[in-house]
Amino acid sequence: MNDQIKQIAERLAGLRDALDIGAREMAASCGISEEQYLAYESGEKDIPVSTLHQISVKYGIDLSALMFGDEPRMNAYFLTRAGKGAAVERTKAYKYQSLAAGFMNRKADPFIVTVEPNADSVPVHLNTHPGQEFNLVIEGRVLLQIGDKTLELGPGDSIYFDANRPHGMKALDGKTVKFLAVII
């Protein structure tokens, strides 16, 4: 198991313990089964950022605290130098670099997301989360699925969408994709 995934799972279990709520209640707040939630909390399965975002909103904890273990402290501005944002590799295919992890009471969560290519036969994994999302492709080409609609985006293309709709993506052309994702 990836150490970062294990650390996120431990923080998730710690949050539930601190809030004194059961796994069933936490799972229900995410719209998933208790079995699936417990697999996330045990570190058996990687928990999607969208689910962490739902938990952070529902229980009033900063997403950065769940993902990176650090509480934000800045309230005037937070500077992230190129390549220096707090990063977590969610799976072998996805890496998230937070661009505002140290800013308190954020209204949005911006990330640079790196997606590694998979075999063409691997289906797009769809997820949902409350709110809206903005993506701007920086390099590579990506297949983005929103509901039943599939779109191909390349460098400079952007999309803003309702994140409550099932959505997911995969790298095209056997090349790595980098994009700016802002979860609002």
C-alpha atoms as a PDB file:
ATOM      1  CA  MET A   1       0.000   0.000   0.000  1.00  0.00           C
ATOM      2  CA  ASN A   2       1.251   3.489  -0.897  1.00  0.00           C
ATOM      3  CA  ASP A   3       2.404   5.362   2.253  1.00  0.00           C
ATOM      4  CA  GLN A   4       0.500   8.487   1.227  1.00  0.00           C
ATOM      5  CA  ILE A   5      -2.735   6.547   0.837  1.00  0.00           C
ATOM      6  CA  LYS A   6      -2.151   4.945   4.241  1.00  0.00           C
ATOM      7  CA  GLN A   7      -1.577   8.367   5.839  1.00  0.00           C
ATOM      8  CA  ILE A   8      -4.765   9.758   4.308  1.00  0.00           C
ATOM      9  CA  ALA A   9      -6.665   6.695   5.568  1.00  0.00           C
ATOM     10  CA  GLU A  10      -5.282   7.268   9.083  1.00  0.00           C
ATOM     11  CA  ARG A  11      -6.310  10.943   9.016  1.00  0.00           C
ATOM     12  CA  LEU A  12      -9.775   9.914   7.845  1.00  0.00           C
ATOM     13  CA  ALA A  13     -10.119   7.414  10.699  1.00  0.00           C
ATOM     14  CA  GLY A  14      -8.838  10.047  13.135  1.00  0.00           C
ATOM     15  CA  LEU A  15     -11.408  12.565  11.916  1.00  0.00           C
ATOM     16  CA  ARG A  16     -14.259  10.105  12.347  1.00  0.00           C
ATOM     17  CA  ASP A  17     -13.003   9.275  15.835  1.00  0.00           C
ATOM     18  CA  ALA A  18     -12.675  12.969  16.759  1.00  0.00           C
ATOM     19  CA  LEU A  19     -16.200  13.668  15.510  1.00  0.00           C
ATOM     20  CA  ASP A  20     -17.488  10.559  17.314  1.00  0.00           C
ATOM     21  CA  ILE A  21     -19.532   9.346  14.360  1.00  0.00           C
ATOM     22  CA  GLY A  22     -19.973   5.872  12.954  1.00  0.00           C
ATOM     23  CA  ALA A  23     -18.697   4.568   9.653  1.00  0.00           C
ATOM     24  CA  ARG A  24     -22.288   4.225   8.410  1.00  0.00           C
ATOM     25  CA  GLU A  25     -22.934   7.960   8.952  1.00  0.00           C
ATOM     26  CA  MET A  26     -19.650   8.947   7.285  1.00  0.00           C
ATOM     27  CA  ALA A  27     -20.401   6.659   4.327  1.00  0.00           C
ATOM     28  CA  ALA A  28     -23.925   8.064   3.984  1.00  0.00           C
ATOM     29  CA  SER A  29     -22.560  11.627   3.904  1.00  0.00           C
ATOM     30  CA  CYS A  30     -20.430  10.580   0.912  1.00  0.00           C
ATOM     31  CA  GLY A  31     -23.185   8.655  -0.829  1.00  0.00           C
ATOM     32  CA  ILE A  32     -21.245   5.378  -0.692  1.00  0.00           C
ATOM     33  CA  SER A  33     -21.687   2.055   1.060  1.00  0.00           C
ATOM     34  CA  GLU A  34     -20.297   1.501   4.531  1.00  0.00           C
ATOM     35  CA  GLU A  35     -18.158  -1.316   3.098  1.00  0.00           C
ATOM     36  CA  GLN A  36     -16.631   1.008   0.502  1.00  0.00           C
ATOM     37  CA  TYR A  37     -15.997   3.716   3.111  1.00  0.00           C
ATOM     38  CA  LEU A  38     -14.278   1.237   5.447  1.00  0.00           C
ATOM     39  CA  ALA A  39     -12.057   0.092   2.559  1.00  0.00           C
ATOM     40  CA  TYR A  40     -11.003   3.745   2.143  1.00  0.00           C
ATOM     41  CA  GLU A  41     -10.457   4.253   5.864  1.00  0.00           C
ATOM     42  CA  SER A  42      -8.379   1.077   6.161  1.00  0.00           C
ATOM     43  CA  GLY A  43      -6.222   2.096   3.206  1.00  0.00           C
ATOM     44  CA  GLU A  44      -7.270  -0.980   1.187  1.00  0.00           C
ATOM     45  CA  LYS A  45      -8.607   1.316  -1.537  1.00  0.00           C
ATOM     46  CA  ASP A  46      -7.422   4.747  -2.600  1.00  0.00           C
ATOM     47  CA  ILE A  47     -10.014   7.352  -1.658  1.00  0.00           C
ATOM     48  CA  PRO A  48     -10.929   9.719  -4.500  1.00  0.00           C
ATOM     49  CA  VAL A  49     -10.215  13.425  -4.008  1.00  0.00           C
ATOM     50  CA  SER A  50     -13.885  14.041  -4.744  1.00  0.00           C
ATOM     51  CA  THR A  51     -14.862  11.966  -1.682  1.00  0.00           C
ATOM     52  CA  LEU A  52     -12.269  13.752   0.485  1.00  0.00           C
ATOM     53  CA  HIS A  53     -13.712  17.052  -0.750  1.00  0.00           C
ATOM     54  CA  GLN A  54     -17.241  15.944   0.221  1.00  0.00           C
ATOM     55  CA  ILE A  55     -16.024  15.019   3.713  1.00  0.00           C
ATOM     56  CA  SER A  56     -14.134  18.289   4.109  1.00  0.00           C
ATOM     57  CA  VAL A  57     -17.214  20.328   3.173  1.00  0.00           C
ATOM     58  CA  LYS A  58     -19.658  18.253   5.249  1.00  0.00           C
ATOM     59  CA  TYR A  59     -17.539  18.242   8.423  1.00  0.00           C
ATOM     60  CA  GLY A  60     -15.846  21.632   8.128  1.00  0.00           C
ATOM     61  CA  ILE A  61     -12.258  20.408   7.866  1.00  0.00           C
ATOM     62  CA  ASP A  62      -9.820  21.757   5.335  1.00  0.00           C
ATOM     63  CA  LEU A  63      -9.182  19.460   2.368  1.00  0.00           C
ATOM     64  CA  SER A  64      -5.433  20.074   2.796  1.00  0.00           C
ATOM     65  CA  ALA A  65      -5.586  18.673   6.322  1.00  0.00           C
ATOM     66  CA  LEU A  66      -7.075  15.412   5.017  1.00  0.00           C
ATOM     67  CA  MET A  67      -4.798  15.120   1.987  1.00  0.00           C
ATOM     68  CA  PHE A  68      -1.494  16.417   3.343  1.00  0.00           C
ATOM     69  CA  GLY A  69      -1.830  16.465   7.146  1.00  0.00           C
ATOM     70  CA  ASP A  70      -1.101  20.192   7.399  1.00  0.00           C
ATOM     71  CA  GLU A  71      -3.471  22.862   8.597  1.00  0.00           C
ATOM     72  CA  PRO A  72      -3.459  26.029   6.481  1.00  0.00           C
ATOM     73  CA  ARG A  73      -2.152  29.112   8.277  1.00  0.00           C
ATOM     74  CA  MET A  74      -2.106  31.940   5.724  1.00  0.00           C
ATOM     75  CA  ASN A  75      -4.994  34.363   5.300  1.00  0.00           C
ATOM     76  CA  ALA A  76      -3.633  37.237   3.162  1.00  0.00           C
ATOM     77  CA  TYR A  77      -1.962  35.175   0.432  1.00  0.00           C
ATOM     78  CA  PHE A  78      -0.226  31.861  -0.158  1.00  0.00           C
ATOM     79  CA  LEU A  79       2.537  31.572  -2.744  1.00  0.00           C
ATOM     80  CA  THR A  80       3.311  28.261  -4.419  1.00  0.00           C
ATOM     81  CA  ARG A  81       6.549  28.239  -6.417  1.00  0.00           C
ATOM     82  CA  ALA A  82       6.730  26.200  -9.607  1.00  0.00           C
ATOM     83  CA  GLY A  83       6.796  22.488  -8.807  1.00  0.00           C
ATOM     84  CA  LYS A  84       6.725  23.089  -5.031  1.00  0.00           C
ATOM     85  CA  GLY A  85       3.069  22.605  -4.041  1.00  0.00           C
ATOM     86  CA  ALA A  86       2.156  19.909  -1.533  1.00  0.00           C
ATOM     87  CA  ALA A  87       1.747  16.776  -3.617  1.00  0.00           C
ATOM     88  CA  VAL A  88       0.150  13.405  -3.241  1.00  0.00           C
ATOM     89  CA  GLU A  89       0.245  10.567  -5.726  1.00  0.00           C
ATOM     90  CA  ARG A  90      -3.242   9.135  -5.499  1.00  0.00           C
ATOM     91  CA  THR A  91      -2.576   6.153  -7.723  1.00  0.00           C
ATOM     92  CA  LYS A  92       0.089   5.274 -10.245  1.00  0.00           C
ATOM     93  CA  ALA A  93      -2.018   7.142 -12.798  1.00  0.00           C
ATOM     94  CA  TYR A  94      -2.864  10.365 -10.871  1.00  0.00           C
ATOM     95  CA  LYS A  95      -0.735  12.892  -8.988  1.00  0.00           C
ATOM     96  CA  TYR A  96      -2.284  15.962  -7.331  1.00  0.00           C
ATOM     97  CA  GLN A  97      -0.208  19.041  -6.448  1.00  0.00           C
ATOM     98  CA  SER A  98      -2.093  21.544  -4.310  1.00  0.00           C
ATOM     99  CA  LEU A  99      -1.575  25.185  -5.240  1.00  0.00           C
ATOM    100  CA  ALA A 100      -3.223  26.714  -2.167  1.00  0.00           C
ATOM    101  CA  ALA A 101      -2.793  24.180   0.648  1.00  0.00           C
ATOM    102  CA  GLY A 102      -1.567  26.803   3.121  1.00  0.00           C
ATOM    103  CA  PHE A 103      -4.398  29.304   2.641  1.00  0.00           C
ATOM    104  CA  MET A 104      -7.133  29.244   5.298  1.00  0.00           C
ATOM    105  CA  ASN A 105     -10.849  29.226   4.498  1.00  0.00           C
ATOM    106  CA  ARG A 106     -10.413  28.737   0.759  1.00  0.00           C
ATOM    107  CA  LYS A 107     -13.462  29.078  -1.468  1.00  0.00           C
ATOM    108  CA  ALA A 108     -11.853  26.780  -4.066  1.00  0.00           C
ATOM    109  CA  ASP A 109      -9.189  24.060  -4.191  1.00  0.00           C
ATOM    110  CA  PRO A 110      -6.756  24.469  -7.110  1.00  0.00           C
ATOM    111  CA  PHE A 111      -4.497  21.570  -8.124  1.00  0.00           C
ATOM    112  CA  ILE A 112      -2.057  20.710 -10.874  1.00  0.00           C
ATOM    113  CA  VAL A 113      -3.077  17.168 -11.805  1.00  0.00           C
ATOM    114  CA  THR A 114      -0.776  14.811 -13.679  1.00  0.00           C
ATOM    115  CA  VAL A 115      -2.423  11.851 -15.380  1.00  0.00           C
ATOM    116  CA  GLU A 116      -0.254   9.008 -16.635  1.00  0.00           C
ATOM    117  CA  PRO A 117      -1.436   7.020 -19.640  1.00  0.00           C
ATOM    118  CA  ASN A 118      -3.159   3.642 -19.241  1.00  0.00           C
ATOM    119  CA  ALA A 119      -3.943   0.980 -21.784  1.00  0.00           C
ATOM    120  CA  ASP A 120      -6.633   2.107 -24.223  1.00  0.00           C
ATOM    121  CA  SER A 121      -8.843  -0.732 -23.006  1.00  0.00           C
ATOM    122  CA  VAL A 122      -8.994   0.678 -19.432  1.00  0.00           C
ATOM    123  CA  PRO A 123     -12.387   2.392 -18.990  1.00  0.00           C
ATOM    124  CA  VAL A 124     -12.714   5.925 -17.642  1.00  0.00           C
ATOM    125  CA  HIS A 125     -13.367   5.808 -13.878  1.00  0.00           C
ATOM    126  CA  LEU A 126     -16.250   8.162 -13.065  1.00  0.00           C
ATOM    127  CA  ASN A 127     -16.804  10.000  -9.784  1.00  0.00           C
ATOM    128  CA  THR A 128     -18.970  12.832  -8.497  1.00  0.00           C
ATOM    129  CA  HIS A 129     -18.684  15.491  -5.821  1.00  0.00           C
ATOM    130  CA  PRO A 130     -20.674  18.531  -4.775  1.00  0.00           C
ATOM    131  CA  GLY A 131     -20.024  21.841  -6.442  1.00  0.00           C
ATOM    132  CA  GLN A 132     -18.367  22.742  -9.678  1.00  0.00           C
ATOM    133  CA  GLU A 133     -15.014  22.080 -11.323  1.00  0.00           C
ATOM    134  CA  PHE A 134     -12.797  23.937 -13.775  1.00  0.00           C
ATOM    135  CA  ASN A 135     -10.072  22.173 -15.796  1.00  0.00           C
ATOM    136  CA  LEU A 136      -7.452  23.799 -18.056  1.00  0.00           C
ATOM    137  CA  VAL A 137      -5.181  21.459 -20.018  1.00  0.00           C
ATOM    138  CA  ILE A 138      -1.524  22.498 -19.813  1.00  0.00           C
ATOM    139  CA  GLU A 139       0.110  19.654 -21.743  1.00  0.00           C
ATOM    140  CA  GLY A 140      -0.998  16.476 -23.488  1.00  0.00           C
ATOM    141  CA  ARG A 141      -4.446  15.445 -24.608  1.00  0.00           C
ATOM    142  CA  VAL A 142      -7.160  14.063 -22.370  1.00  0.00           C
ATOM    143  CA  LEU A 143     -10.457  12.273 -22.870  1.00  0.00           C
ATOM    144  CA  LEU A 144     -12.969  13.761 -20.443  1.00  0.00           C
ATOM    145  CA  GLN A 145     -16.276  12.025 -19.826  1.00  0.00           C
ATOM    146  CA  ILE A 146     -19.139  13.921 -18.207  1.00  0.00           C
ATOM    147  CA  GLY A 147     -22.224  11.740 -17.932  1.00  0.00           C
ATOM    148  CA  ASP A 148     -22.722  10.152 -21.362  1.00  0.00           C
ATOM    149  CA  LYS A 149     -20.761  12.875 -23.181  1.00  0.00           C
ATOM    150  CA  THR A 150     -17.086  12.394 -24.090  1.00  0.00           C
ATOM    151  CA  LEU A 151     -14.847  15.296 -25.034  1.00  0.00           C
ATOM    152  CA  GLU A 152     -11.223  15.495 -26.122  1.00  0.00           C
ATOM    153  CA  LEU A 153      -9.246  18.421 -24.746  1.00  0.00           C
ATOM    154  CA  GLY A 154      -5.750  19.548 -25.679  1.00  0.00           C
ATOM    155  CA  PRO A 155      -3.307  22.211 -24.474  1.00  0.00           C
ATOM    156  CA  GLY A 156      -5.097  25.491 -23.793  1.00  0.00           C
ATOM    157  CA  ASP A 157      -8.581  23.926 -23.802  1.00  0.00           C
ATOM    158  CA  SER A 158     -10.651  24.432 -20.673  1.00  0.00           C
ATOM    159  CA  ILE A 159     -13.983  23.276 -19.328  1.00  0.00           C
ATOM    160  CA  TYR A 160     -16.193  24.314 -16.418  1.00  0.00           C
ATOM    161  CA  PHE A 161     -18.806  21.790 -15.313  1.00  0.00           C
ATOM    162  CA  ASP A 162     -21.244  20.625 -12.659  1.00  0.00           C
ATOM    163  CA  ALA A 163     -19.192  18.174 -10.574  1.00  0.00           C
ATOM    164  CA  ASN A 164     -22.381  16.487  -9.330  1.00  0.00           C
ATOM    165  CA  ARG A 165     -22.470  14.798 -12.740  1.00  0.00           C
ATOM    166  CA  PRO A 166     -20.409  11.606 -13.087  1.00  0.00           C
ATOM    167  CA  HIS A 167     -17.080  12.588 -14.608  1.00  0.00           C
ATOM    168  CA  GLY A 168     -13.638  11.168 -15.219  1.00  0.00           C
ATOM    169  CA  MET A 169     -10.703  11.303 -17.598  1.00  0.00           C
ATOM    170  CA  LYS A 170      -7.834   9.456 -19.140  1.00  0.00           C
ATOM    171  CA  ALA A 171      -4.672  10.471 -20.966  1.00  0.00           C
ATOM    172  CA  LEU A 172      -4.637  10.065 -24.739  1.00  0.00           C
ATOM    173  CA  ASP A 173      -1.873   9.254 -27.232  1.00  0.00           C
ATOM    174  CA  GLY A 174       0.092   7.238 -24.636  1.00  0.00           C
ATOM    175  CA  LYS A 175       1.457  10.502 -23.172  1.00  0.00           C
ATOM    176  CA  THR A 176       1.278  12.156 -19.762  1.00  0.00           C
ATOM    177  CA  VAL A 177      -1.316  14.925 -19.301  1.00  0.00           C
ATOM    178  CA  LYS A 178      -1.028  17.919 -16.969  1.00  0.00           C
ATOM    179  CA  PHE A 179      -3.951  20.176 -16.205  1.00  0.00           C
ATOM    180  CA  LEU A 180      -5.089  22.787 -13.733  1.00  0.00           C
ATOM    181  CA  ALA A 181      -8.140  21.591 -11.800  1.00  0.00           C
ATOM    182  CA  VAL A 182     -10.091  23.946  -9.560  1.00  0.00           C
ATOM    183  CA  ILE A 183     -12.752  22.364  -7.339  1.00  0.00           C
ATOM    184  CA  ILE A 184     -15.293  24.929  -6.183  1.00  0.00           C
END
